[in-house]
Amino acid sequence: MEEDIGPFQITHWLQPKAVAIGQHIETREKVLIRTENATPNLEQEATILRALSGGIGFQTLYWFGETHNQKTIITNTVGMSLEDAFEKSNRFFDMSLVLEIASQLIFRLEWMHSHNLFHGKLTPDSFSLGGSRWQTPQVVLNGFQNIDTSENAARKDLEAVADILVYLAIGPASWESFQAEKPDFVDIPSALKGFILILSDQEINPADYLIPRAYFHAARRSLAGRTILGGLGDPQERHSCLKYLASKDTNELFDTLGSKLVAVGSAFGDLTWGGDETKYLFESLDEIMAIYLVLLLRDKPTPKRRTYLMGAYHLPNRLWRDFRWYLCTGKRGAASIQILLNLTVYKYMGVLLEVIPSYNRYWAKFLSETAYFQMKIDSDSYQFWRNAWIYWKHCSNFLSKTSM
């Protein structure tokens, strides 16, 4: 039986009165609903997720309150846990993929620690893949039922990340067996030893997290090949995964992209549209984002400075032009549609920032613009989005100066 919770509707229970899948009544977005029967300390988790708003690679808090005398939290959905993805890959990630994951995990800690929040119990199950197919290359940090307030909490999180990376690199039978018998330093893969030495040699604060991120980025560039499309995700979801799109010819992808944009433009020429049209709008955006991601991964800009001063014909500017049209189209709908459209574009830019760093100067600029717009339309989270806008504006200015 369908049941409403605020602007959300339960579609089915995964665990009776504990975990459910639902949707937003207006936007039709799929959401995850949890009660105290499933997860303790929901109020603390809601407070933390609200404080982390604007961060890249965290769940989004949509609603928190009481239903049927139980505290209830509603967030966006995520994919399988990092542990499950590891298991589905026969407990093997090659070093290229481990290093790509490493940069993201450090970025999560950087944002979290800069807000004086510390996890304290990080494991491979603390991280999940993104819920959308274009987000599968991104690792999401979740599970904030307990927060560490001890003096060395930041170091404990960093050391836990080091353990997770070594675990993924060597592939023991289980996380528990790895914790019971950790490898000696000499047995740790050389690409990870530098990070462990960074942790042992100095105290680092969030402002210094660029050091390990730069280390992992350099280590990743020294290895051949790219695994981000095929290394993560559910192989059973063949026709919806990025790996399937990556198997298509570039011209075919451009044709599909053009056809999809034309179809969306035709569908929304009418100023009046309802639930079915809204669902189509977001499903089409998801497909467009996935295609753009594959095309951008194939784009290989030369290191010459002039190629980064892009004209309208370059992919990043073409992408932004199409997304701005999408955001303008969303203004015809309810406020909830505008907020979700902008938030989706914001999250997508966060994925591009992490998996296609060649254009980070532009991704940071686009993140700043979308954060500013979110600040204007989401009054309940104004201050959090203002902080995100300022952060990305500084990043954009810094990257623009260093590339000149």
Protein backbone atom coordinates (compact mmCIF):
# COMPACT_ATOMS: atom_id res chain seq x y z
CA MET A 1 0.00 0.00 0.00
CA GLU A 2 1.33 3.44 -0.93
CA GLU A 3 1.94 5.82 1.95
CA ASP A 4 2.92 9.48 1.89
CA ILE A 5 5.70 10.97 4.00
CA GLY A 6 5.85 14.69 3.38
CA PRO A 7 6.37 15.18 -0.38
CA PHE A 8 7.45 11.55 -0.76
CA GLN A 9 5.53 8.35 -1.35
CA ILE A 10 6.55 4.85 -0.26
CA THR A 11 6.34 2.44 -3.20
CA HIS A 12 7.47 -0.75 -1.47
CA TRP A 13 9.16 -1.92 1.72
CA LEU A 14 12.49 -3.74 1.46
CA GLN A 15 12.33 -4.49 5.19
CA PRO A 16 8.90 -4.01 6.82
CA LYS A 17 8.71 -0.67 8.67
CA ALA A 18 12.51 -0.34 8.43
CA VAL A 19 13.79 0.26 4.88
CA ALA A 20 11.71 1.29 1.89
CA ILE A 21 12.03 2.60 -1.64
CA GLY A 22 9.91 5.58 -2.50
CA GLN A 23 9.61 8.48 -4.88
CA HIS A 24 9.08 12.22 -4.79
CA ILE A 25 5.47 12.93 -5.66
CA GLU A 26 6.32 15.74 -8.10
CA THR A 27 9.75 14.86 -9.50
CA ARG A 28 9.27 11.05 -9.48
CA GLU A 29 12.83 10.69 -8.19
CA LYS A 30 13.57 7.34 -6.57
CA VAL A 31 14.56 7.73 -2.90
CA LEU A 32 15.72 5.60 0.03
CA ILE A 33 13.62 5.69 3.20
CA ARG A 34 14.93 4.38 6.53
CA THR A 35 13.43 4.33 10.01
CA GLU A 36 14.91 3.77 13.46
CA ASN A 37 14.09 0.08 13.08
CA ALA A 38 16.85 -0.14 10.47
CA THR A 39 19.38 2.45 11.57
CA PRO A 40 20.07 4.02 14.98
CA ASN A 41 21.07 7.66 15.49
CA LEU A 42 19.15 8.94 12.48
CA GLU A 43 18.97 12.44 13.93
CA GLN A 44 22.77 12.61 14.09
CA GLU A 45 23.06 11.28 10.55
CA ALA A 46 20.60 13.89 9.29
CA THR A 47 22.53 16.69 11.01
CA ILE A 48 25.81 15.50 9.47
CA LEU A 49 24.39 15.09 5.95
CA ARG A 50 22.91 18.57 6.16
CA ALA A 51 26.29 19.97 7.22
CA LEU A 52 28.00 18.18 4.31
CA SER A 53 25.58 19.64 1.73
CA GLY A 54 27.45 20.80 -1.34
CA GLY A 55 30.20 18.22 -0.92
CA ILE A 56 31.05 15.85 -3.75
CA GLY A 57 30.39 12.16 -3.12
CA PHE A 58 27.95 12.27 -0.19
CA GLN A 59 24.30 11.27 0.04
CA THR A 60 21.76 14.09 -0.18
CA LEU A 61 19.38 14.57 2.74
CA TYR A 62 15.84 15.18 1.47
CA TRP A 63 13.70 14.84 4.57
CA PHE A 64 13.97 14.03 8.26
CA GLY A 65 11.17 13.82 10.79
CA GLU A 66 8.79 11.45 12.57
CA THR A 67 6.29 9.07 11.02
CA HIS A 68 4.23 6.64 13.11
CA ASN A 69 6.26 7.65 16.20
CA GLN A 70 9.52 6.71 14.51
CA LYS A 71 12.31 8.98 13.36
CA THR A 72 12.62 8.63 9.59
CA ILE A 73 15.25 9.79 7.11
CA ILE A 74 14.92 10.12 3.34
CA THR A 75 17.97 10.36 1.06
CA ASN A 76 18.87 9.72 -2.54
CA THR A 77 19.61 6.12 -3.45
CA VAL A 78 23.12 4.77 -3.98
CA GLY A 79 24.52 1.73 -5.73
CA MET A 80 26.20 -1.34 -4.29
CA SER A 81 28.81 -0.98 -1.56
CA LEU A 82 32.50 -0.90 -2.41
CA GLU A 83 32.78 -4.29 -0.69
CA ASP A 84 30.06 -5.77 -2.91
CA ALA A 85 31.66 -4.30 -6.03
CA PHE A 86 34.96 -5.85 -4.94
CA GLU A 87 33.27 -9.21 -4.46
CA LYS A 88 31.57 -9.03 -7.88
CA SER A 89 35.00 -8.36 -9.41
CA ASN A 90 36.26 -11.65 -7.93
CA ARG A 91 38.04 -9.70 -5.20
CA PHE A 92 40.45 -8.11 -7.64
CA PHE A 93 40.90 -4.43 -8.53
CA ASP A 94 43.95 -3.61 -10.61
CA MET A 95 46.21 -0.88 -9.28
CA SER A 96 44.92 1.72 -11.76
CA LEU A 97 41.43 1.39 -10.31
CA VAL A 98 42.68 1.35 -6.71
CA LEU A 99 44.51 4.64 -7.29
CA GLU A 100 41.45 6.22 -8.90
CA ILE A 101 39.43 5.21 -5.85
CA ALA A 102 42.19 6.51 -3.55
CA SER A 103 41.98 10.08 -4.87
CA GLN A 104 38.23 10.09 -4.30
CA LEU A 105 38.44 8.73 -0.75
CA ILE A 106 40.93 11.45 0.20
CA PHE A 107 38.64 14.08 -1.32
CA ARG A 108 35.75 12.77 0.82
CA LEU A 109 37.86 13.07 3.98
CA GLU A 110 39.07 16.53 2.98
CA TRP A 111 35.52 17.89 2.74
CA MET A 112 34.30 16.06 5.85
CA HIS A 113 37.29 16.98 8.03
CA SER A 114 37.17 20.62 6.90
CA HIS A 115 33.73 20.68 8.53
CA ASN A 116 35.19 19.23 11.76
CA LEU A 117 33.41 15.93 11.21
CA PHE A 118 35.21 12.60 11.58
CA HIS A 119 33.82 9.17 10.75
CA GLY A 120 35.84 6.92 13.03
CA LYS A 121 34.71 3.53 11.65
CA LEU A 122 35.56 3.50 7.95
CA THR A 123 35.40 0.13 6.17
CA PRO A 124 34.76 -0.90 2.54
CA ASP A 125 31.06 -1.00 3.47
CA SER A 126 31.21 2.71 4.38
CA PHE A 127 31.47 3.54 0.68
CA SER A 128 29.03 2.89 -2.15
CA LEU A 129 28.96 3.45 -5.88
CA GLY A 130 26.80 6.25 -7.19
CA GLY A 131 23.18 5.47 -7.90
CA SER A 132 23.02 6.72 -11.52
CA ARG A 133 24.93 5.06 -14.34
CA TRP A 134 26.94 8.23 -14.96
CA GLN A 135 27.79 8.20 -11.25
CA THR A 136 29.12 4.63 -11.10
CA PRO A 137 32.74 5.86 -11.48
CA GLN A 138 32.24 7.84 -8.26
CA VAL A 139 32.51 6.48 -4.72
CA VAL A 140 30.01 7.84 -2.17
CA LEU A 141 30.76 8.00 1.57
CA ASN A 142 27.82 7.08 3.80
CA GLY A 143 27.03 5.55 7.18
CA PHE A 144 27.21 8.44 9.65
CA GLN A 145 25.52 6.77 12.61
CA ASN A 146 28.65 7.23 14.72
CA ILE A 147 31.08 10.13 14.72
CA ASP A 148 34.56 10.11 16.25
CA THR A 149 35.33 13.06 18.53
CA SER A 150 38.69 11.85 19.82
CA GLU A 151 41.87 13.91 19.53
CA ASN A 152 43.37 11.83 16.70
CA ALA A 153 40.13 11.30 14.79
CA ALA A 154 41.41 12.75 11.50
CA ARG A 155 44.49 10.52 11.50
CA LYS A 156 42.35 7.48 12.30
CA ASP A 157 40.19 8.17 9.23
CA LEU A 158 43.28 8.59 7.03
CA GLU A 159 44.82 5.39 8.35
CA ALA A 160 41.52 3.58 7.78
CA VAL A 161 41.56 4.74 4.15
CA ALA A 162 45.13 3.43 3.84
CA ASP A 163 43.93 0.06 5.16
CA ILE A 164 41.01 0.00 2.70
CA LEU A 165 43.31 0.73 -0.24
CA VAL A 166 45.79 -1.98 0.74
CA TYR A 167 42.87 -4.38 1.22
CA LEU A 168 41.55 -3.64 -2.29
CA ALA A 169 45.03 -3.97 -3.78
CA ILE A 170 45.94 -7.37 -2.31
CA GLY A 171 42.50 -9.03 -2.19
CA PRO A 172 42.34 -11.04 1.06
CA ALA A 173 39.44 -13.37 1.78
CA SER A 174 37.51 -10.81 3.82
CA TRP A 175 37.83 -7.45 5.58
CA GLU A 176 37.76 -9.26 8.91
CA SER A 177 40.67 -11.52 7.98
CA PHE A 178 42.61 -8.51 6.71
CA GLN A 179 42.06 -6.69 10.02
CA ALA A 180 43.16 -9.76 11.95
CA GLU A 181 46.42 -10.08 10.03
CA LYS A 182 47.58 -6.99 8.19
CA PRO A 183 50.48 -7.33 5.73
CA ASP A 184 53.97 -6.14 6.58
CA PHE A 185 55.11 -2.90 4.98
CA VAL A 186 57.41 -4.76 2.57
CA ASP A 187 54.40 -6.69 1.21
CA ILE A 188 52.34 -3.58 0.47
CA PRO A 189 52.19 -2.56 -3.23
CA SER A 190 54.77 0.12 -3.95
CA ALA A 191 52.17 2.56 -5.32
CA LEU A 192 50.57 2.72 -1.85
CA LYS A 193 53.74 2.87 0.23
CA GLY A 194 54.22 6.56 -0.48
CA PHE A 195 50.83 7.41 1.02
CA ILE A 196 51.58 5.40 4.15
CA LEU A 197 54.92 7.20 4.48
CA ILE A 198 53.17 10.57 4.11
CA LEU A 199 50.91 9.65 7.03
CA SER A 200 53.80 8.45 9.19
CA ASP A 201 56.13 11.38 8.47
CA GLN A 202 53.92 14.33 9.27
CA GLU A 203 50.73 15.67 10.74
CA ILE A 204 48.44 16.83 7.97
CA ASN A 205 45.26 18.87 8.19
CA PRO A 206 42.51 19.22 5.55
CA ALA A 207 44.39 22.08 3.91
CA ASP A 208 47.27 19.65 3.25
CA TYR A 209 45.18 16.85 1.75
CA LEU A 210 46.24 18.07 -1.67
CA ILE A 211 49.56 16.31 -0.94
CA PRO A 212 48.21 12.72 -0.92
CA ARG A 213 45.74 13.55 -3.70
CA ALA A 214 48.60 14.81 -5.87
CA TYR A 215 50.61 11.72 -4.98
CA PHE A 216 47.81 9.38 -6.08
CA HIS A 217 47.18 11.40 -9.23
CA ALA A 218 50.86 11.17 -10.21
CA ALA A 219 50.97 7.45 -9.39
CA ARG A 220 47.85 6.86 -11.50
CA ARG A 221 49.28 8.73 -14.49
CA SER A 222 52.36 6.51 -14.40
CA LEU A 223 50.21 3.45 -15.13
CA ALA A 224 48.85 2.59 -18.56
CA GLY A 225 45.21 2.05 -19.34
CA ARG A 226 41.94 3.30 -17.90
CA THR A 227 39.67 1.13 -15.82
CA ILE A 228 37.04 3.60 -14.63
CA LEU A 229 34.42 2.45 -17.16
CA GLY A 230 34.77 -1.28 -16.68
CA GLY A 231 36.16 -1.63 -13.19
CA LEU A 232 33.05 -0.70 -11.23
CA GLY A 233 29.35 -1.36 -11.60
CA ASP A 234 27.14 -4.41 -11.88
CA PRO A 235 28.02 -6.57 -14.90
CA GLN A 236 24.44 -7.90 -14.92
CA GLU A 237 23.18 -4.39 -15.77
CA ARG A 238 24.83 -4.60 -19.18
CA HIS A 239 22.59 -2.31 -21.23
CA SER A 240 22.47 0.42 -18.60
CA CYS A 241 26.15 0.57 -17.65
CA LEU A 242 28.84 2.90 -18.94
CA LYS A 243 30.86 -0.02 -20.25
CA TYR A 244 28.03 -0.81 -22.67
CA LEU A 245 27.93 2.78 -23.93
CA ALA A 246 31.71 2.78 -24.23
CA SER A 247 31.46 -0.12 -26.68
CA LYS A 248 29.58 2.09 -29.15
CA ASP A 249 31.16 4.06 -31.98
CA THR A 250 31.75 7.77 -31.33
CA ASN A 251 29.62 8.85 -34.31
CA GLU A 252 26.80 6.63 -33.08
CA LEU A 253 26.99 8.25 -29.65
CA PHE A 254 26.88 11.75 -31.15
CA ASP A 255 23.86 10.75 -33.27
CA THR A 256 22.09 9.34 -30.20
CA LEU A 257 22.93 12.46 -28.21
CA GLY A 258 21.58 14.77 -30.91
CA SER A 259 18.40 12.74 -31.34
CA LYS A 260 17.75 12.68 -27.61
CA LEU A 261 18.19 16.46 -27.29
CA VAL A 262 15.84 17.07 -30.22
CA ALA A 263 13.24 14.72 -28.72
CA VAL A 264 13.40 16.45 -25.34
CA GLY A 265 13.14 19.87 -26.98
CA SER A 266 10.04 18.78 -28.90
CA ALA A 267 8.44 17.19 -25.85
CA PHE A 268 8.78 20.34 -23.76
CA GLY A 269 7.66 22.90 -26.30
CA ASP A 270 4.31 22.91 -24.48
CA LEU A 271 4.28 25.03 -21.33
CA THR A 272 2.03 22.56 -19.49
CA TRP A 273 3.43 19.22 -18.42
CA GLY A 274 2.82 16.82 -15.56
CA GLY A 275 4.22 13.75 -13.86
CA ASP A 276 4.94 11.65 -16.94
CA GLU A 277 6.70 14.53 -18.67
CA THR A 278 8.78 15.19 -15.57
CA LYS A 279 9.85 11.55 -15.40
CA TYR A 280 10.83 11.66 -19.07
CA LEU A 281 12.80 14.88 -18.50
CA PHE A 282 14.97 13.27 -15.82
CA GLU A 283 15.35 9.91 -17.57
CA SER A 284 16.51 11.69 -20.71
CA LEU A 285 18.94 13.81 -18.72
CA ASP A 286 20.41 10.65 -17.19
CA GLU A 287 21.01 9.19 -20.65
CA ILE A 288 22.46 12.45 -21.99
CA MET A 289 24.84 12.67 -19.04
CA ALA A 290 26.04 9.09 -19.53
CA ILE A 291 26.72 9.70 -23.24
CA TYR A 292 28.58 12.93 -22.54
CA LEU A 293 30.73 11.19 -19.94
CA VAL A 294 31.82 8.51 -22.41
CA LEU A 295 32.52 11.13 -25.10
CA LEU A 296 34.55 13.26 -22.69
CA LEU A 297 36.60 10.25 -21.63
CA ARG A 298 37.50 9.76 -25.30
CA ASP A 299 38.38 13.43 -25.73
CA LYS A 300 42.15 13.84 -25.57
CA PRO A 301 43.13 17.53 -25.44
CA THR A 302 46.73 18.29 -26.32
CA PRO A 303 48.84 19.88 -23.58
CA LYS A 304 49.19 23.11 -25.56
CA ARG A 305 47.71 26.01 -23.64
CA ARG A 306 45.50 27.27 -26.46
CA THR A 307 43.50 24.05 -26.60
CA TYR A 308 42.21 24.68 -23.08
CA LEU A 309 40.88 28.12 -24.04
CA MET A 310 37.88 26.42 -25.53
CA GLY A 311 35.43 27.66 -28.07
CA ALA A 312 31.76 26.77 -28.26
CA TYR A 313 32.56 23.70 -30.38
CA HIS A 314 34.54 22.00 -27.61
CA LEU A 315 32.74 19.26 -25.71
CA PRO A 316 32.77 20.89 -22.23
CA ASN A 317 31.22 24.11 -23.55
CA ARG A 318 28.71 22.19 -25.64
CA LEU A 319 27.78 20.17 -22.56
CA TRP A 320 27.30 23.31 -20.46
CA ARG A 321 25.17 24.92 -23.17
CA ASP A 322 22.87 21.88 -23.22
CA PHE A 323 22.65 21.76 -19.43
CA ARG A 324 21.81 25.46 -19.19
CA TRP A 325 18.95 24.82 -21.59
CA TYR A 326 17.80 21.97 -19.34
CA LEU A 327 17.90 24.22 -16.28
CA CYS A 328 15.89 26.91 -18.10
CA THR A 329 13.34 24.29 -19.14
CA GLY A 330 13.02 23.19 -15.51
CA LYS A 331 11.91 26.70 -14.53
CA ARG A 332 8.55 25.91 -16.12
CA GLY A 333 7.96 23.27 -13.48
CA ALA A 334 7.52 23.29 -9.72
CA ALA A 335 10.28 24.47 -7.38
CA SER A 336 11.06 20.85 -6.49
CA ILE A 337 11.79 20.12 -10.16
CA GLN A 338 14.12 23.11 -10.44
CA ILE A 339 15.99 22.10 -7.28
CA LEU A 340 16.44 18.48 -8.38
CA LEU A 341 17.50 19.41 -11.92
CA ASN A 342 20.14 21.80 -10.63
CA LEU A 343 21.30 19.33 -7.97
CA THR A 344 21.63 16.59 -10.60
CA VAL A 345 23.76 18.83 -12.82
CA TYR A 346 25.85 19.78 -9.78
CA LYS A 347 26.50 16.14 -8.89
CA TYR A 348 27.37 15.36 -12.49
CA MET A 349 29.96 18.15 -12.56
CA GLY A 350 31.41 16.61 -9.40
CA VAL A 351 31.85 13.30 -11.23
CA LEU A 352 33.57 15.05 -14.15
CA LEU A 353 35.88 16.84 -11.73
CA GLU A 354 37.12 13.51 -10.39
CA VAL A 355 37.29 11.35 -13.51
CA ILE A 356 38.25 13.92 -16.18
CA PRO A 357 40.72 16.29 -14.48
CA SER A 358 41.99 17.71 -17.81
CA TYR A 359 39.14 20.23 -17.73
CA ASN A 360 38.97 20.90 -13.98
CA ARG A 361 39.33 24.62 -14.58
CA TYR A 362 35.93 24.49 -16.29
CA TRP A 363 34.27 21.93 -14.04
CA ALA A 364 35.08 24.10 -11.00
CA LYS A 365 33.55 27.11 -12.74
CA PHE A 366 30.39 25.16 -13.59
CA LEU A 367 30.20 23.83 -10.02
CA SER A 368 30.39 27.39 -8.74
CA GLU A 369 27.54 28.49 -11.02
CA THR A 370 25.28 25.58 -10.10
CA ALA A 371 26.01 26.00 -6.38
CA TYR A 372 25.07 29.69 -6.68
CA PHE A 373 21.79 28.83 -8.39
CA GLN A 374 21.05 26.16 -5.77
CA MET A 375 21.69 28.74 -3.06
CA LYS A 376 19.03 30.96 -4.66
CA ILE A 377 16.32 28.32 -5.08
CA ASP A 378 16.84 26.08 -2.01
CA SER A 379 16.15 28.45 0.87
CA ASP A 380 16.20 25.64 3.46
CA SER A 381 19.88 24.97 2.72
CA TYR A 382 20.94 28.50 1.79
CA GLN A 383 24.00 28.73 4.05
CA PHE A 384 25.37 25.32 3.10
CA TRP A 385 25.11 26.10 -0.61
CA ARG A 386 26.58 29.54 -0.07
CA ASN A 387 29.63 27.87 1.47
CA ALA A 388 29.85 25.50 -1.50
CA TRP A 389 29.55 28.40 -3.94
CA ILE A 390 32.41 30.26 -2.23
CA TYR A 391 34.54 27.10 -2.15
CA TRP A 392 34.15 26.39 -5.86
CA LYS A 393 34.55 30.03 -6.77
CA HIS A 394 37.94 30.04 -5.02
CA CYS A 395 38.86 26.76 -6.74
CA SER A 396 37.86 28.17 -10.12
CA ASN A 397 39.88 31.35 -9.61
CA PHE A 398 42.92 29.37 -8.46
CA LEU A 399 42.77 26.95 -11.40
CA SER A 400 42.30 29.82 -13.86
CA LYS A 401 45.40 31.59 -12.54
CA THR A 402 47.59 28.48 -12.51
CA SER A 403 46.65 27.62 -16.11
CA MET A 404 47.58 31.05 -17.45
